[in-house]
Structures are given as C-alpha cells and as structure tokens.
C-alpha atoms as a PDB file:
ATOM      1  CA  MET A   1    -145.637  94.007 162.898  1.00  0.00           C
ATOM      2  CA  GLY A   2    -142.009  92.931 163.430  1.00  0.00           C
ATOM      3  CA  ARG A   3    -140.824  96.534 163.252  1.00  0.00           C
ATOM      4  CA  LEU A   4    -143.450  97.566 165.807  1.00  0.00           C
ATOM      5  CA  LEU A   5    -142.330  94.826 168.224  1.00  0.00           C
ATOM      6  CA  GLU A   6    -138.703  95.874 167.803  1.00  0.00           C
ATOM      7  CA  GLU A   7    -139.599  99.496 168.588  1.00  0.00           C
ATOM      8  CA  ILE A   8    -141.514  98.399 171.702  1.00  0.00           C
ATOM      9  CA  ARG A   9    -138.563  96.314 172.851  1.00  0.00           C
ATOM     10  CA  LYS A  10    -136.224  99.234 172.217  1.00  0.00           C
ATOM     11  CA  ASP A  11    -138.461 101.549 174.274  1.00  0.00           C
ATOM     12  CA  ILE A  12    -138.497  99.006 177.109  1.00  0.00           C
ATOM     13  CA  ARG A  13    -134.713  98.660 176.998  1.00  0.00           C
ATOM     14  CA  THR A  14    -134.233 102.448 176.981  1.00  0.00           C
ATOM     15  CA  LYS A  15    -133.916 103.812 180.477  1.00  0.00           C
ATOM     16  CA  GLU A  16    -133.662 107.308 181.814  1.00  0.00           C
ATOM     17  CA  LYS A  17    -130.856 107.999 184.229  1.00  0.00           C
ATOM     18  CA  THR A  18    -130.310 111.193 186.164  1.00  0.00           C
ATOM     19  CA  LYS A  19    -126.777 112.329 186.769  1.00  0.00           C
ATOM     20  CA  ASP A  20    -126.055 115.749 188.289  1.00  0.00           C
ATOM     21  CA  GLY A  21    -129.632 116.832 187.494  1.00  0.00           C
ATOM     22  CA  LYS A  22    -129.304 115.953 183.803  1.00  0.00           C
ATOM     23  CA  ILE A  23    -131.436 113.302 182.154  1.00  0.00           C
ATOM     24  CA  GLU A  24    -129.668 110.947 179.789  1.00  0.00           C
ATOM     25  CA  LYS A  25    -131.185 108.125 177.812  1.00  0.00           C
ATOM     26  CA  ILE A  26    -129.178 104.940 178.052  1.00  0.00           C
ATOM     27  CA  GLU A  27    -130.004 101.927 175.910  1.00  0.00           C
ATOM     28  CA  ASP A  28    -129.073  98.458 177.066  1.00  0.00           C
ATOM     29  CA  LYS A  29    -126.012  97.338 175.193  1.00  0.00           C
ATOM     30  CA  LYS A  30    -126.157  94.220 173.071  1.00  0.00           C
ATOM     31  CA  GLU A  31    -124.138  91.275 174.353  1.00  0.00           C
ATOM     32  CA  ILE A  32    -122.105  89.126 172.000  1.00  0.00           C
ATOM     33  CA  GLU A  33    -124.277  86.067 172.665  1.00  0.00           C
ATOM     34  CA  ASP A  34    -127.342  87.915 171.405  1.00  0.00           C
ATOM     35  CA  LEU A  35    -125.458  89.369 168.442  1.00  0.00           C
ATOM     36  CA  LEU A  36    -124.137  85.980 167.339  1.00  0.00           C
ATOM     37  CA  ILE A  37    -127.547  84.293 167.557  1.00  0.00           C
ATOM     38  CA  GLU A  38    -129.273  87.183 165.792  1.00  0.00           C
ATOM     39  CA  LEU A  39    -126.790  87.307 162.905  1.00  0.00           C
ATOM     40  CA  ARG A  40    -126.699  83.545 162.415  1.00  0.00           C
ATOM     41  CA  GLN A  41    -130.492  83.284 162.337  1.00  0.00           C
ATOM     42  CA  LYS A  42    -130.859  86.387 160.167  1.00  0.00           C
ATOM     43  CA  ASN A  43    -128.541  84.827 157.588  1.00  0.00           C
ATOM     44  CA  GLY A  44    -130.327  81.476 157.833  1.00  0.00           C
ATOM     45  CA  LEU A  45    -127.239  79.539 158.870  1.00  0.00           C
ATOM     46  CA  SER A  46    -127.060  76.503 161.094  1.00  0.00           C
ATOM     47  CA  ARG A  47    -124.130  76.136 163.461  1.00  0.00           C
ATOM     48  CA  ILE A  48    -122.585  73.553 161.145  1.00  0.00           C
ATOM     49  CA  GLU A  49    -122.906  75.844 158.112  1.00  0.00           C
ATOM     50  CA  LEU A  50    -121.305  78.680 160.068  1.00  0.00           C
ATOM     51  CA  LEU A  51    -118.513  76.327 161.116  1.00  0.00           C
ATOM     52  CA  GLU A  52    -117.876  75.444 157.470  1.00  0.00           C
ATOM     53  CA  LYS A  53    -117.751  79.131 156.523  1.00  0.00           C
ATOM     54  CA  LEU A  54    -115.300  79.852 159.351  1.00  0.00           C
ATOM     55  CA  ASN A  55    -113.016  77.164 157.911  1.00  0.00           C
ATOM     56  CA  ASN A  56    -111.156  76.661 161.190  1.00  0.00           C
ATOM     57  CA  SER A  57    -110.124  73.120 162.111  1.00  0.00           C
ATOM     58  CA  ASN A  58    -109.723  74.084 165.784  1.00  0.00           C
ATOM     59  CA  LEU A  59    -113.415  74.941 166.172  1.00  0.00           C
ATOM     60  CA  SER A  60    -116.373  72.626 166.598  1.00  0.00           C
ATOM     61  CA  GLU A  61    -120.145  73.032 166.692  1.00  0.00           C
ATOM     62  CA  LYS A  62    -119.899  72.932 170.492  1.00  0.00           C
ATOM     63  CA  ASP A  63    -117.658  76.006 170.432  1.00  0.00           C
ATOM     64  CA  ILE A  64    -120.262  77.970 168.495  1.00  0.00           C
ATOM     65  CA  LYS A  65    -122.949  76.819 170.930  1.00  0.00           C
ATOM     66  CA  LYS A  66    -120.759  77.926 173.849  1.00  0.00           C
ATOM     67  CA  TRP A  67    -120.385  81.370 172.219  1.00  0.00           C
ATOM     68  CA  GLU A  68    -124.145  81.683 171.836  1.00  0.00           C
ATOM     69  CA  ILE A  69    -124.789  80.647 175.429  1.00  0.00           C
ATOM     70  CA  GLY A  70    -122.002  82.818 176.815  1.00  0.00           C
ATOM     71  CA  LEU A  71    -119.752  80.140 178.278  1.00  0.00           C
ATOM     72  CA  LYS A  72    -116.933  81.009 175.910  1.00  0.00           C
ATOM     73  CA  TYR A  73    -116.147  83.887 173.556  1.00  0.00           C
ATOM     74  CA  PRO A  74    -114.554  83.920 170.113  1.00  0.00           C
ATOM     75  CA  ASP A  75    -110.992  85.154 169.820  1.00  0.00           C
ATOM     76  CA  LEU A  76    -110.049  88.175 167.698  1.00  0.00           C
ATOM     77  CA  ASP A  77    -109.119  86.148 164.606  1.00  0.00           C
ATOM     78  CA  THR A  78    -112.517  84.454 164.687  1.00  0.00           C
ATOM     79  CA  ILE A  79    -114.233  87.802 165.244  1.00  0.00           C
ATOM     80  CA  TYR A  80    -112.609  89.134 162.072  1.00  0.00           C
ATOM     81  CA  LYS A  81    -113.790  86.077 160.140  1.00  0.00           C
ATOM     82  CA  LEU A  82    -117.299  86.478 161.562  1.00  0.00           C
ATOM     83  CA  SER A  83    -117.336  90.133 160.545  1.00  0.00           C
ATOM     84  CA  GLU A  84    -116.439  89.118 156.985  1.00  0.00           C
ATOM     85  CA  ILE A  85    -119.105  86.394 156.884  1.00  0.00           C
ATOM     86  CA  TYR A  86    -121.884  88.595 158.275  1.00  0.00           C
ATOM     87  CA  ARG A  87    -120.592  91.858 156.732  1.00  0.00           C
ATOM     88  CA  VAL A  88    -120.717  93.585 160.083  1.00  0.00           C
ATOM     89  CA  PRO A  89    -117.857  95.769 161.370  1.00  0.00           C
ATOM     90  CA  SER A  90    -115.560  93.841 163.684  1.00  0.00           C
ATOM     91  CA  THR A  91    -115.765  96.709 166.167  1.00  0.00           C
ATOM     92  CA  GLU A  92    -119.418  95.803 166.759  1.00  0.00           C
ATOM     93  CA  PHE A  93    -118.366  92.278 167.773  1.00  0.00           C
ATOM     94  CA  VAL A  94    -115.604  93.590 170.019  1.00  0.00           C
ATOM     95  CA  MET A  95    -117.968  96.082 171.687  1.00  0.00           C
ATOM     96  CA  ALA A  96    -120.567  93.336 172.188  1.00  0.00           C
ATOM     97  CA  LYS A  97    -117.883  91.099 173.707  1.00  0.00           C
ATOM     98  CA  ASN A  98    -116.917  93.878 176.113  1.00  0.00           C
ATOM     99  CA  ASN A  99    -120.585  94.391 176.990  1.00  0.00           C
ATOM    100  CA  SER A 100    -120.838  90.706 177.873  1.00  0.00           C
ATOM    101  CA  TYR A 101    -117.885  91.058 180.227  1.00  0.00           C
ATOM    102  CA  GLU A 102    -119.394  94.171 181.803  1.00  0.00           C
ATOM    103  CA  LYS A 103    -122.838  92.660 182.320  1.00  0.00           C
ATOM    104  CA  GLY A 104    -121.771  90.116 184.829  1.00  0.00           C
ATOM    105  CA  LEU A 105    -119.422  87.587 183.380  1.00  0.00           C
ATOM    106  CA  ALA A 106    -118.331  87.099 186.973  1.00  0.00           C
ATOM    107  CA  GLY A 107    -121.930  86.576 188.145  1.00  0.00           C
ATOM    108  CA  ILE A 108    -122.022  83.091 189.631  1.00  0.00           C
ATOM    109  CA  ASN A 109    -125.771  82.633 189.131  1.00  0.00           C
ATOM    110  CA  LYS A 110    -125.543  83.334 185.425  1.00  0.00           C
ATOM    111  CA  LYS A 111    -122.565  80.996 185.083  1.00  0.00           C
ATOM    112  CA  ILE A 112    -124.391  78.136 186.799  1.00  0.00           C
ATOM    113  CA  ILE A 113    -127.477  78.630 184.667  1.00  0.00           C
ATOM    114  CA  ARG A 114    -125.387  78.724 181.479  1.00  0.00           C
ATOM    115  CA  TRP A 115    -123.588  75.570 182.546  1.00  0.00           C
ATOM    116  CA  PHE A 116    -126.937  73.769 182.970  1.00  0.00           C
ATOM    117  CA  VAL A 117    -128.148  75.051 179.598  1.00  0.00           C
ATOM    118  CA  TYR A 118    -125.025  73.810 177.851  1.00  0.00           C
ATOM    119  CA  THR A 119    -124.619  70.510 179.696  1.00  0.00           C
ATOM    120  CA  LEU A 120    -128.249  69.387 179.709  1.00  0.00           C
ATOM    121  CA  ASN A 121    -129.135  71.034 176.385  1.00  0.00           C
ATOM    122  CA  VAL A 122    -132.192  72.729 177.886  1.00  0.00           C
ATOM    123  CA  SER A 123    -133.647  76.224 177.632  1.00  0.00           C
ATOM    124  CA  PHE A 124    -132.382  79.116 179.725  1.00  0.00           C
ATOM    125  CA  TYR A 125    -135.637  79.067 181.703  1.00  0.00           C
ATOM    126  CA  ILE A 126    -135.188  75.416 182.720  1.00  0.00           C
ATOM    127  CA  GLY A 127    -131.570  76.146 183.662  1.00  0.00           C
ATOM    128  CA  ALA A 128    -132.786  78.959 185.935  1.00  0.00           C
ATOM    129  CA  VAL A 129    -135.375  76.683 187.567  1.00  0.00           C
ATOM    130  CA  LEU A 130    -132.745  73.969 188.148  1.00  0.00           C
ATOM    131  CA  THR A 131    -130.447  76.545 189.717  1.00  0.00           C
ATOM    132  CA  ILE A 132    -133.203  77.665 192.095  1.00  0.00           C
ATOM    133  CA  PHE A 133    -133.879  74.043 193.117  1.00  0.00           C
ATOM    134  CA  ILE A 134    -130.182  73.487 193.797  1.00  0.00           C
ATOM    135  CA  TYR A 135    -130.034  76.641 195.944  1.00  0.00           C
ATOM    136  CA  ILE A 136    -133.086  75.514 197.926  1.00  0.00           C
ATOM    137  CA  PHE A 137    -131.604  72.033 198.390  1.00  0.00           C
ATOM    138  CA  ALA A 138    -128.269  73.515 199.487  1.00  0.00           C
ATOM    139  CA  PHE A 139    -130.016  75.807 201.968  1.00  0.00           C
ATOM    140  CA  ILE A 140    -132.022  72.916 203.456  1.00  0.00           C
ATOM    141  CA  PHE A 141    -128.891  70.755 203.677  1.00  0.00           C
ATOM    142  CA  ALA A 142    -126.911  73.560 205.346  1.00  0.00           C
ATOM    143  CA  LEU A 143    -129.725  74.167 207.807  1.00  0.00           C
ATOM    144  CA  TRP A 144    -129.955  70.434 208.620  1.00  0.00           C
ATOM    145  CA  PHE A 145    -126.172  70.250 209.033  1.00  0.00           C
ATOM    146  CA  PHE A 146    -126.008  73.190 211.458  1.00  0.00           C
ATOM    147  CA  VAL A 147    -128.966  71.925 213.498  1.00  0.00           C
ATOM    148  CA  THR A 148    -127.357  68.452 213.732  1.00  0.00           C
ATOM    149  CA  VAL A 149    -124.000  69.887 214.760  1.00  0.00           C
ATOM    150  CA  ALA A 150    -125.609  72.284 217.248  1.00  0.00           C
ATOM    151  CA  SER A 151    -127.536  69.438 218.875  1.00  0.00           C
ATOM    152  CA  GLN A 152    -124.341  67.416 219.339  1.00  0.00           C
ATOM    153  CA  VAL A 153    -122.455  70.247 221.025  1.00  0.00           C
ATOM    154  CA  LYS A 154    -122.477  69.759 224.799  1.00  0.00           C
ATOM    155  CA  ARG A 155    -122.664  72.773 227.007  1.00  0.00           C
END
C-alpha cells in the first residue's frame, strides 16, 4: 500500500515539459526540509536524539526545527555529519539544499508562513491561513487609509 501511494505521488510530481518540440519528463526535486524530515522519521529519531548524534555544542533542538521548516539550513560540516548518521551521500543533501534555494527561498509568502509555523508552533496549513488573514487585514487598512486621506484632501 505504501509503495503504491509513493508511486502515485511520484506520477503526480512528474510533469511533462515541451522544449523545442521535444518532450522531457521532469520530476520535482526534493527540498532539504523534506529530506531532513523524511530521514529523521525513517530512522526513528527525535530531534533531541539527532542533536545528540550530531554532537555539536553550537546546535540546539530549535536549529533542527528551523532546518525542517526551512527557516535555516545546515552548514557543510553539519551536512557531512548528517550524511554519516543517515548513511546518505552528502551530495544528496547539498543538491536538496540547492533545490530549496531555487524553489523560492526569496518568496516572501513562504517566509511569512514559515515564520508563523516556527513562532507559534502550528501546522503549515494554519500558518498559511494566518498569512491570508494578515493580507486581508492589511488590504482593508490600506483601503481605509487611502479613503480617509482622499476625503481630507481639499480641491
């Protein structure tokens, strides 16, 4: 059953793209956040257990949570340690990190949602809903502000 679901997800993620009349299949690239969560859960580790295995006094459980949410990314030394712990080539981590940068690290909406998720310790869905409410509130406030200013302007 699990294998079937994974195949369905893979088919959904696979897209066809035409370029100069040729059809290429392009699969969505895995981001480092997804890779870190998947490997940690697959190995049955909590964030604290992973922290102990990393054996780095400069890291905390919050750092690992930030990696998994996408607010922060591990440095190369930590990536090498993670590759040893999970027995995954470090190049896979580096490629996933690059994919995260490519997929919109600069996207303001995603950053705001991730900030809500981290700060309020809520799900990604709730962070998205909060972001939408803030945008609606900001739009209403801006509209009210411009109407108030426009009504005070004398012609």
